[in-house]
Amino acid sequence: MAVKERVGLVVSDKMEKTVVVAVENRVPHPKYNKIVVRTKRYKAHDEDNSCRVGDRVRIRETRPLSRTKRWVIADVLNRASEI
């Protein structure tokens, strides 16, 4: 069985060892065929609290880690620019 992976943007890092990752999916509208952007938010495990808001990350599906957490950070693709 293939492991599910998604690429998304970290939108929240306020929890301990957990980040919220927003994944955008572009799909055509069933009737009008215009491209619609659908966003789904996943809670992902970040063991060493290294991710910050704005980072582009790859997440991988794993066993349930808590009531809502079923994903883990596989790697950080782009770091958010420091301001």
Protein backbone atom coordinates (compact mmCIF):
# COMPACT_ATOMS: atom_id res chain seq x y z
CA MET A 1 0.00 0.00 0.00
CA ALA A 2 1.34 3.43 -0.95
CA VAL A 3 2.05 5.99 1.73
CA LYS A 4 -0.02 9.17 1.36
CA GLU A 5 1.98 12.38 1.15
CA ARG A 6 0.85 15.99 0.82
CA VAL A 7 2.67 19.31 0.36
CA GLY A 8 1.32 22.34 2.16
CA LEU A 9 1.95 25.52 4.09
CA VAL A 10 2.26 25.75 7.88
CA VAL A 11 -0.50 28.08 9.11
CA SER A 12 -0.19 27.55 12.88
CA ASP A 13 2.62 26.50 15.22
CA LYS A 14 1.09 27.48 18.56
CA MET A 15 0.86 23.91 19.90
CA GLU A 16 3.66 21.81 21.40
CA LYS A 17 5.09 19.34 18.85
CA THR A 18 2.14 19.96 16.50
CA VAL A 19 1.65 22.21 13.48
CA VAL A 20 -1.40 22.87 11.31
CA VAL A 21 -0.68 22.45 7.59
CA ALA A 22 -3.03 23.84 4.93
CA VAL A 23 -3.03 21.85 1.68
CA GLU A 24 -4.56 23.47 -1.41
CA ASN A 25 -6.23 21.33 -4.04
CA ARG A 26 -7.30 22.81 -7.37
CA VAL A 27 -10.30 21.07 -8.93
CA PRO A 28 -12.71 22.04 -11.70
CA HIS A 29 -16.25 22.94 -10.63
CA PRO A 30 -18.54 20.05 -11.62
CA LYS A 31 -20.99 22.25 -13.54
CA TYR A 32 -19.09 25.39 -14.59
CA ASN A 33 -15.60 23.89 -15.06
CA LYS A 34 -13.93 26.90 -13.45
CA ILE A 35 -10.92 25.95 -11.32
CA VAL A 36 -11.86 26.13 -7.64
CA VAL A 37 -9.28 26.10 -4.84
CA ARG A 38 -10.22 23.81 -1.96
CA THR A 39 -8.16 23.98 1.23
CA LYS A 40 -7.89 21.19 3.78
CA ARG A 41 -6.09 21.58 7.10
CA TYR A 42 -4.15 18.72 8.67
CA LYS A 43 -2.58 18.54 12.13
CA ALA A 44 0.93 17.13 11.79
CA HIS A 45 3.45 15.94 14.37
CA ASP A 46 6.61 18.07 14.57
CA GLU A 47 8.87 16.29 17.07
CA ASP A 48 11.52 19.01 17.53
CA ASN A 49 9.28 22.09 17.04
CA SER A 50 11.35 23.18 14.03
CA CYS A 51 8.53 24.37 11.74
CA ARG A 52 7.35 27.98 11.73
CA VAL A 53 4.36 29.71 10.14
CA GLY A 54 4.95 30.12 6.40
CA ASP A 55 7.20 27.08 5.95
CA ARG A 56 6.41 24.82 3.00
CA VAL A 57 6.45 21.22 4.24
CA ARG A 58 5.81 17.66 3.07
CA ILE A 59 3.62 15.61 5.42
CA ARG A 60 3.22 11.83 5.49
CA GLU A 61 0.31 9.80 6.82
CA THR A 62 1.00 7.69 9.90
CA ARG A 63 -0.79 5.84 12.70
CA PRO A 64 -3.10 7.90 14.93
CA LEU A 65 -0.95 9.96 17.31
CA SER A 66 -3.85 11.72 19.06
CA ARG A 67 -7.56 12.32 18.53
CA THR A 68 -7.00 14.58 15.51
CA LYS A 69 -3.34 13.99 14.56
CA ARG A 70 -2.67 11.39 11.83
CA TRP A 71 0.18 13.04 9.91
CA VAL A 72 3.88 13.62 10.56
CA ILE A 73 6.30 16.15 9.04
CA ALA A 74 8.42 14.30 6.45
CA ASP A 75 10.65 17.24 5.52
CA VAL A 76 10.74 21.02 5.25
CA LEU A 77 10.91 22.15 1.61
CA ASN A 78 11.18 25.95 2.03
CA ARG A 79 11.71 28.00 5.15
CA ALA A 80 9.65 31.14 5.72
CA SER A 81 11.68 34.29 5.25
CA GLU A 82 12.83 35.92 8.48
CA ILE A 83 11.48 39.43 8.92
